[in-house]
């Protein structure tokens, strides 16, 4: 019953994994580079594996450090995409012989257990709400 109340009150929201904020420092709104990569790959933000986000963040940071404008084409020159074993996940893999950055070595084994609900208010402000793990037992489609 609680999930129905949440649904009626907040219709402008998205769900994001906790790791995007704690480890990868993703900020909203997504920048043009991030949106460009997602659009080029024709995927939603939640379909890219966290290691792909880490590669994107590192490339973005490096370009800014060198006073360059990051572009999806320049980033994807160094990476190819691969669908995960389970449908819905897309990984970015360094292309052989033109590896630009070392692969992100940390493994995100439990990254799917912690989520944030990002509410977009009528005035355009954004607020975050942590979703308790037991709440997810009813399924993401009910949020």
N, C-alpha and C. Protein backbone atom coordinates (compact mmCIF):
# COMPACT_ATOMS: atom_id res chain seq x y z
N UNK A 1 0.81 -1.19 0.00
CA UNK A 1 0.00 0.00 0.00
C UNK A 1 0.85 1.26 0.00
N UNK A 2 1.96 1.23 0.76
CA UNK A 2 2.83 2.40 0.85
C UNK A 2 3.36 2.81 -0.53
N UNK A 3 3.74 1.83 -1.36
CA UNK A 3 4.30 2.18 -2.67
C UNK A 3 3.30 2.89 -3.55
N UNK A 4 2.02 2.62 -3.38
CA UNK A 4 1.00 3.32 -4.17
C UNK A 4 0.91 4.78 -3.75
N UNK A 5 1.06 5.07 -2.47
CA UNK A 5 1.04 6.44 -1.99
C UNK A 5 2.22 7.21 -2.55
N UNK A 6 3.40 6.58 -2.54
CA UNK A 6 4.59 7.22 -3.09
C UNK A 6 4.38 7.51 -4.56
N UNK A 7 3.80 6.59 -5.26
CA UNK A 7 3.55 6.76 -6.69
C UNK A 7 2.63 7.93 -6.98
N UNK A 8 1.61 8.12 -6.16
CA UNK A 8 0.67 9.22 -6.40
C UNK A 8 1.30 10.56 -6.05
N UNK A 9 2.11 10.61 -5.01
CA UNK A 9 2.69 11.87 -4.56
C UNK A 9 3.81 12.31 -5.48
N UNK A 10 4.70 11.42 -5.84
CA UNK A 10 5.89 11.80 -6.59
C UNK A 10 5.95 11.05 -7.91
N UNK A 11 5.49 11.69 -8.96
CA UNK A 11 5.54 11.04 -10.27
C UNK A 11 6.79 11.42 -11.04
N UNK A 12 7.47 12.50 -10.65
CA UNK A 12 8.68 12.93 -11.33
C UNK A 12 9.90 12.46 -10.56
N UNK A 13 10.30 11.23 -10.77
CA UNK A 13 11.46 10.71 -10.08
C UNK A 13 12.17 9.68 -10.93
N UNK A 14 13.43 9.45 -10.56
CA UNK A 14 14.21 8.40 -11.17
C UNK A 14 14.92 7.65 -10.05
N UNK A 15 15.31 6.43 -10.31
CA UNK A 15 16.03 5.60 -9.35
C UNK A 15 17.48 5.50 -9.81
N UNK A 16 18.41 5.69 -8.89
CA UNK A 16 19.83 5.57 -9.19
C UNK A 16 20.49 4.76 -8.10
N UNK A 17 21.54 4.05 -8.45
CA UNK A 17 22.27 3.26 -7.48
C UNK A 17 23.15 4.15 -6.61
N UNK A 18 23.26 3.80 -5.37
CA UNK A 18 24.03 4.53 -4.37
C UNK A 18 25.47 4.78 -4.82
N UNK A 19 26.07 3.82 -5.49
CA UNK A 19 27.47 3.89 -5.90
C UNK A 19 27.73 5.08 -6.83
N UNK A 20 26.74 5.54 -7.57
CA UNK A 20 26.93 6.66 -8.47
C UNK A 20 27.27 7.94 -7.72
N UNK A 21 26.76 8.07 -6.52
CA UNK A 21 27.01 9.27 -5.72
C UNK A 21 28.20 9.09 -4.80
N UNK A 22 28.34 7.92 -4.18
CA UNK A 22 29.38 7.71 -3.18
C UNK A 22 30.76 7.49 -3.80
N UNK A 23 30.85 6.72 -4.85
CA UNK A 23 32.16 6.38 -5.44
C UNK A 23 32.46 7.15 -6.72
N UNK A 24 31.46 7.32 -7.55
CA UNK A 24 31.69 7.89 -8.88
C UNK A 24 31.41 9.39 -8.97
N UNK A 25 30.80 9.95 -7.96
CA UNK A 25 30.53 11.39 -7.87
C UNK A 25 29.77 11.94 -9.08
N UNK A 26 28.77 11.19 -9.51
CA UNK A 26 27.89 11.65 -10.58
C UNK A 26 27.04 12.80 -10.03
N UNK A 27 26.87 13.84 -10.82
CA UNK A 27 26.06 14.99 -10.41
C UNK A 27 24.92 15.18 -11.41
N UNK A 28 23.85 15.77 -10.90
CA UNK A 28 22.70 16.07 -11.76
C UNK A 28 22.58 17.55 -11.95
N UNK A 29 22.17 18.00 -13.12
CA UNK A 29 21.86 17.16 -14.29
C UNK A 29 23.15 16.61 -14.90
N UNK A 30 23.01 15.51 -15.63
CA UNK A 30 24.16 14.94 -16.32
C UNK A 30 24.68 15.96 -17.32
N UNK A 31 26.00 15.99 -17.53
CA UNK A 31 26.55 16.97 -18.46
C UNK A 31 26.39 16.50 -19.91
N UNK A 32 26.72 17.39 -20.84
CA UNK A 32 26.55 17.08 -22.26
C UNK A 32 27.37 15.88 -22.70
N UNK A 33 28.57 15.75 -22.16
CA UNK A 33 29.42 14.61 -22.50
C UNK A 33 28.75 13.30 -22.08
N UNK A 34 28.30 13.21 -20.83
CA UNK A 34 27.67 12.00 -20.33
C UNK A 34 26.40 11.67 -21.13
N UNK A 35 25.57 12.68 -21.36
CA UNK A 35 24.35 12.46 -22.14
C UNK A 35 24.68 12.05 -23.57
N UNK A 36 25.74 12.63 -24.13
CA UNK A 36 26.14 12.28 -25.49
C UNK A 36 26.57 10.83 -25.61
N UNK A 37 27.32 10.34 -24.63
CA UNK A 37 27.75 8.93 -24.65
C UNK A 37 26.53 8.02 -24.53
N UNK A 38 25.65 8.32 -23.59
CA UNK A 38 24.44 7.49 -23.42
C UNK A 38 23.58 7.51 -24.69
N UNK A 39 23.43 8.67 -25.29
CA UNK A 39 22.63 8.78 -26.52
C UNK A 39 23.29 8.02 -27.68
N UNK A 40 24.61 8.14 -27.80
CA UNK A 40 25.30 7.44 -28.87
C UNK A 40 25.16 5.93 -28.72
N UNK A 41 25.25 5.44 -27.47
CA UNK A 41 25.10 4.01 -27.21
C UNK A 41 23.64 3.58 -27.20
N UNK A 42 22.74 4.55 -27.21
CA UNK A 42 21.30 4.31 -27.21
C UNK A 42 20.87 3.49 -25.99
N UNK A 43 21.34 3.94 -24.81
CA UNK A 43 21.00 3.26 -23.57
C UNK A 43 20.54 4.28 -22.53
N UNK A 44 19.84 3.79 -21.54
CA UNK A 44 19.44 4.61 -20.40
C UNK A 44 20.59 4.66 -19.40
N UNK A 45 20.58 5.65 -18.54
CA UNK A 45 21.66 5.83 -17.56
C UNK A 45 21.83 4.62 -16.66
N UNK A 46 20.79 3.88 -16.40
CA UNK A 46 20.86 2.72 -15.51
C UNK A 46 21.36 1.46 -16.22
N UNK A 47 21.50 1.49 -17.53
CA UNK A 47 21.95 0.31 -18.27
C UNK A 47 23.47 0.22 -18.37
N UNK A 48 24.17 1.31 -18.11
CA UNK A 48 25.63 1.29 -18.18
C UNK A 48 26.19 0.81 -16.86
N UNK A 49 27.04 -0.20 -16.92
CA UNK A 49 27.66 -0.78 -15.72
C UNK A 49 28.49 0.29 -15.02
N UNK A 50 28.57 0.25 -13.68
CA UNK A 50 29.36 1.25 -12.96
C UNK A 50 30.81 1.38 -13.43
N UNK A 51 31.43 0.30 -13.88
CA UNK A 51 32.79 0.43 -14.41
C UNK A 51 32.83 1.31 -15.66
N UNK A 52 31.78 1.27 -16.46
CA UNK A 52 31.68 2.16 -17.62
C UNK A 52 31.55 3.61 -17.20
N UNK A 53 30.75 3.84 -16.15
CA UNK A 53 30.62 5.19 -15.59
C UNK A 53 31.96 5.67 -15.05
N UNK A 54 32.71 4.77 -14.40
CA UNK A 54 34.03 5.14 -13.86
C UNK A 54 34.97 5.55 -14.99
N UNK A 55 34.94 4.82 -16.10
CA UNK A 55 35.78 5.17 -17.25
C UNK A 55 35.37 6.52 -17.82
N UNK A 56 34.07 6.76 -17.91
CA UNK A 56 33.58 8.04 -18.42
C UNK A 56 34.00 9.19 -17.52
N UNK A 57 33.87 9.00 -16.21
CA UNK A 57 34.25 10.04 -15.25
C UNK A 57 35.75 10.33 -15.33
N UNK A 58 36.57 9.28 -15.45
CA UNK A 58 38.02 9.47 -15.54
C UNK A 58 38.39 10.22 -16.82
N UNK A 59 37.77 9.85 -17.94
CA UNK A 59 38.03 10.53 -19.21
C UNK A 59 37.61 11.99 -19.14
N UNK A 60 36.44 12.24 -18.58
CA UNK A 60 35.92 13.60 -18.43
C UNK A 60 36.88 14.44 -17.58
N UNK A 61 37.32 13.88 -16.46
CA UNK A 61 38.24 14.59 -15.57
C UNK A 61 39.56 14.88 -16.26
N UNK A 62 40.11 13.88 -16.96
CA UNK A 62 41.39 14.05 -17.64
C UNK A 62 41.31 15.13 -18.72
N UNK A 63 40.22 15.13 -19.48
CA UNK A 63 40.05 16.15 -20.51
C UNK A 63 39.99 17.55 -19.89
N UNK A 64 39.24 17.68 -18.82
CA UNK A 64 39.15 18.99 -18.16
C UNK A 64 40.50 19.41 -17.59
N UNK A 65 41.26 18.46 -17.06
CA UNK A 65 42.59 18.75 -16.52
C UNK A 65 43.52 19.27 -17.62
N UNK A 66 43.36 18.74 -18.84
CA UNK A 66 44.18 19.15 -19.98
C UNK A 66 43.56 20.30 -20.78
N UNK A 67 42.49 20.89 -20.25
CA UNK A 67 41.76 21.99 -20.91
C UNK A 67 41.21 21.58 -22.28
N UNK A 68 40.72 20.36 -22.36
CA UNK A 68 40.10 19.84 -23.58
C UNK A 68 38.61 19.64 -23.32
N UNK A 69 37.84 19.71 -24.36
CA UNK A 69 36.41 19.42 -24.24
C UNK A 69 36.18 17.94 -24.51
N UNK A 70 35.66 17.22 -23.54
CA UNK A 70 35.41 15.79 -23.77
C UNK A 70 34.27 15.61 -24.77
N UNK A 71 34.43 14.66 -25.66
CA UNK A 71 33.35 14.38 -26.61
C UNK A 71 33.07 12.89 -26.63
N UNK A 72 31.82 12.52 -26.88
CA UNK A 72 31.49 11.10 -26.95
C UNK A 72 32.31 10.35 -28.00
N UNK A 73 32.54 10.97 -29.16
CA UNK A 73 33.30 10.30 -30.22
C UNK A 73 34.73 10.03 -29.79
N UNK A 74 35.36 11.01 -29.14
CA UNK A 74 36.75 10.79 -28.71
C UNK A 74 36.82 9.73 -27.61
N UNK A 75 35.85 9.73 -26.70
CA UNK A 75 35.81 8.72 -25.64
C UNK A 75 35.59 7.33 -26.22
N UNK A 76 34.61 7.19 -27.10
CA UNK A 76 34.26 5.88 -27.64
C UNK A 76 35.27 5.37 -28.68
N UNK A 77 36.22 6.21 -29.07
CA UNK A 77 37.31 5.74 -29.91
C UNK A 77 38.14 4.70 -29.15
N UNK A 78 38.24 4.87 -27.83
CA UNK A 78 39.06 4.00 -27.00
C UNK A 78 38.29 2.83 -26.39
N UNK A 79 36.99 2.81 -26.53
CA UNK A 79 36.17 1.77 -25.89
C UNK A 79 35.19 1.15 -26.88
N UNK A 80 34.90 -0.11 -26.67
CA UNK A 80 33.82 -0.77 -27.39
C UNK A 80 32.80 -1.23 -26.35
N UNK A 81 31.62 -1.50 -26.79
CA UNK A 81 30.57 -1.89 -25.85
C UNK A 81 30.32 -3.38 -25.95
N UNK A 82 29.89 -3.93 -24.81
CA UNK A 82 29.58 -5.36 -24.76
C UNK A 82 28.38 -5.54 -23.85
N UNK A 83 27.39 -6.29 -24.33
CA UNK A 83 26.23 -6.59 -23.51
C UNK A 83 26.61 -7.56 -22.41
N UNK A 84 26.05 -7.36 -21.23
CA UNK A 84 26.33 -8.24 -20.11
C UNK A 84 25.65 -9.58 -20.27
N UNK A 85 25.97 -10.49 -19.35
CA UNK A 85 25.37 -11.82 -19.38
C UNK A 85 23.86 -11.73 -19.17
N UNK A 86 23.47 -10.82 -18.29
CA UNK A 86 22.04 -10.59 -18.08
C UNK A 86 21.59 -9.44 -18.96
N UNK A 87 20.44 -9.54 -19.59
CA UNK A 87 19.96 -8.45 -20.44
C UNK A 87 19.82 -7.16 -19.64
N UNK A 88 20.13 -6.07 -20.28
CA UNK A 88 19.95 -4.77 -19.64
C UNK A 88 21.24 -4.08 -19.26
N UNK A 89 22.34 -4.80 -19.09
CA UNK A 89 23.62 -4.20 -18.73
C UNK A 89 24.50 -4.05 -19.95
N UNK A 90 25.19 -2.93 -20.02
CA UNK A 90 26.16 -2.70 -21.08
C UNK A 90 27.49 -2.34 -20.43
N UNK A 91 28.55 -3.00 -20.84
CA UNK A 91 29.89 -2.72 -20.31
C UNK A 91 30.71 -2.04 -21.39
N UNK A 92 31.64 -1.19 -20.96
CA UNK A 92 32.59 -0.57 -21.87
C UNK A 92 33.93 -1.27 -21.68
N UNK A 93 34.50 -1.74 -22.78
CA UNK A 93 35.74 -2.50 -22.77
C UNK A 93 36.80 -1.73 -23.55
N UNK A 94 38.00 -1.59 -22.97
CA UNK A 94 39.10 -0.92 -23.68
C UNK A 94 39.41 -1.69 -24.96
N UNK A 95 39.59 -0.95 -26.04
CA UNK A 95 39.94 -1.59 -27.30
C UNK A 95 41.40 -2.05 -27.25
N UNK A 96 41.67 -3.21 -27.82
CA UNK A 96 43.05 -3.72 -27.81
C UNK A 96 44.01 -2.77 -28.54
N UNK A 97 45.20 -2.65 -28.04
CA UNK A 97 46.30 -1.88 -28.63
C UNK A 97 46.10 -0.37 -28.61
N UNK A 98 44.96 0.13 -28.13
CA UNK A 98 44.81 1.58 -28.02
C UNK A 98 44.24 1.95 -26.64
N UNK A 99 44.65 1.19 -25.66
CA UNK A 99 44.18 1.41 -24.30
C UNK A 99 44.63 2.79 -23.83
N UNK A 100 43.69 3.61 -23.45
CA UNK A 100 43.96 4.98 -23.05
C UNK A 100 44.09 5.11 -21.53
N UNK A 101 43.21 4.44 -20.81
CA UNK A 101 43.22 4.45 -19.35
C UNK A 101 43.24 3.01 -18.85
N UNK A 102 43.85 2.79 -17.71
CA UNK A 102 43.81 1.47 -17.12
C UNK A 102 42.37 1.15 -16.73
N UNK A 103 41.96 -0.10 -16.82
CA UNK A 103 40.60 -0.46 -16.40
C UNK A 103 40.39 -0.18 -14.92
N UNK A 104 39.18 0.16 -14.59
CA UNK A 104 38.83 0.39 -13.20
C UNK A 104 38.92 -0.94 -12.48
N UNK A 105 39.78 -1.04 -11.45
CA UNK A 105 40.08 -2.33 -10.86
C UNK A 105 39.13 -2.75 -9.75
N UNK A 106 38.44 -1.80 -9.14
CA UNK A 106 37.54 -2.17 -8.05
C UNK A 106 36.32 -2.89 -8.61
N UNK A 107 35.92 -3.91 -7.93
CA UNK A 107 34.76 -4.68 -8.38
C UNK A 107 33.52 -4.22 -7.63
N UNK A 108 32.47 -4.01 -8.34
CA UNK A 108 31.20 -3.59 -7.75
C UNK A 108 30.28 -4.80 -7.64
N UNK A 109 30.54 -5.67 -6.69
CA UNK A 109 29.72 -6.87 -6.55
C UNK A 109 28.37 -6.59 -5.89
N UNK A 110 28.34 -5.70 -4.92
CA UNK A 110 27.10 -5.45 -4.20
C UNK A 110 26.49 -4.09 -4.53
N UNK A 111 26.80 -3.56 -5.70
CA UNK A 111 26.32 -2.22 -6.02
C UNK A 111 24.82 -2.16 -6.27
N UNK A 112 24.18 -3.29 -6.50
CA UNK A 112 22.75 -3.29 -6.80
C UNK A 112 21.88 -3.28 -5.55
N UNK A 113 22.48 -3.29 -4.37
CA UNK A 113 21.70 -3.38 -3.15
C UNK A 113 21.28 -2.07 -2.54
N UNK A 114 21.84 -0.96 -2.99
CA UNK A 114 21.56 0.33 -2.37
C UNK A 114 21.16 1.34 -3.44
N UNK A 115 20.00 1.93 -3.26
CA UNK A 115 19.45 2.85 -4.26
C UNK A 115 19.05 4.18 -3.64
N UNK A 116 19.01 5.20 -4.49
CA UNK A 116 18.45 6.49 -4.14
C UNK A 116 17.30 6.77 -5.08
N UNK A 117 16.29 7.39 -4.55
CA UNK A 117 15.20 7.89 -5.37
C UNK A 117 15.44 9.38 -5.52
N UNK A 118 15.53 9.86 -6.72
CA UNK A 118 15.77 11.27 -6.98
C UNK A 118 14.45 11.90 -7.41
N UNK A 119 13.96 12.78 -6.56
CA UNK A 119 12.67 13.44 -6.81
C UNK A 119 12.91 14.79 -7.47
N UNK A 120 12.19 15.05 -8.52
CA UNK A 120 12.26 16.34 -9.20
C UNK A 120 10.99 17.10 -8.83
N UNK A 121 11.16 18.14 -8.03
CA UNK A 121 10.02 18.91 -7.53
C UNK A 121 9.46 19.81 -8.63
N UNK A 122 8.25 20.33 -8.40
CA UNK A 122 7.60 21.20 -9.39
C UNK A 122 8.41 22.45 -9.68
N UNK A 123 9.14 22.96 -8.69
CA UNK A 123 9.96 24.16 -8.89
C UNK A 123 11.30 23.86 -9.55
N UNK A 124 11.55 22.58 -9.88
CA UNK A 124 12.79 22.18 -10.54
C UNK A 124 13.88 21.75 -9.59
N UNK A 125 13.67 21.90 -8.29
CA UNK A 125 14.68 21.47 -7.33
C UNK A 125 14.71 19.94 -7.26
N UNK A 126 15.82 19.44 -6.80
CA UNK A 126 16.04 17.99 -6.74
C UNK A 126 16.26 17.59 -5.30
N UNK A 127 15.62 16.52 -4.87
CA UNK A 127 15.87 15.99 -3.53
C UNK A 127 16.10 14.49 -3.64
N UNK A 128 16.91 13.98 -2.72
CA UNK A 128 17.28 12.57 -2.71
C UNK A 128 16.60 11.87 -1.54
N UNK A 129 16.21 10.63 -1.78
CA UNK A 129 15.61 9.82 -0.73
C UNK A 129 16.22 8.43 -0.82
N UNK A 130 16.86 7.99 0.26
CA UNK A 130 17.44 6.65 0.27
C UNK A 130 16.31 5.64 0.37
N UNK A 131 16.41 4.58 -0.41
CA UNK A 131 15.39 3.54 -0.42
C UNK A 131 15.88 2.40 0.46
N UNK A 132 15.14 2.05 1.50
CA UNK A 132 15.55 0.92 2.35
C UNK A 132 15.58 -0.38 1.54
N UNK A 133 16.54 -1.25 1.86
CA UNK A 133 16.68 -2.51 1.11
C UNK A 133 15.42 -3.36 1.17
N UNK A 134 14.76 -3.43 2.31
CA UNK A 134 13.57 -4.27 2.39
C UNK A 134 12.42 -3.72 1.54
N UNK A 135 12.46 -2.43 1.25
CA UNK A 135 11.44 -1.83 0.39
C UNK A 135 11.55 -2.36 -1.03
N UNK A 136 12.77 -2.72 -1.45
CA UNK A 136 12.99 -3.21 -2.81
C UNK A 136 12.44 -4.61 -3.02
N UNK A 137 12.11 -5.29 -1.97
CA UNK A 137 11.59 -6.65 -2.13
C UNK A 137 10.27 -6.68 -2.89
N UNK A 138 9.57 -5.54 -2.94
CA UNK A 138 8.33 -5.49 -3.74
C UNK A 138 8.61 -5.21 -5.20
N UNK A 139 9.87 -4.86 -5.53
CA UNK A 139 10.26 -4.69 -6.93
C UNK A 139 10.36 -3.23 -7.31
N UNK A 140 11.32 -2.92 -8.19
CA UNK A 140 11.53 -1.55 -8.64
C UNK A 140 10.34 -0.99 -9.41
N UNK A 141 9.57 -1.84 -10.04
CA UNK A 141 8.45 -1.34 -10.84
C UNK A 141 7.37 -0.73 -9.97
N UNK A 142 7.36 -1.03 -8.70
CA UNK A 142 6.34 -0.47 -7.82
C UNK A 142 6.76 0.84 -7.18
N UNK A 143 7.96 1.33 -7.45
CA UNK A 143 8.42 2.59 -6.83
C UNK A 143 7.85 3.78 -7.52
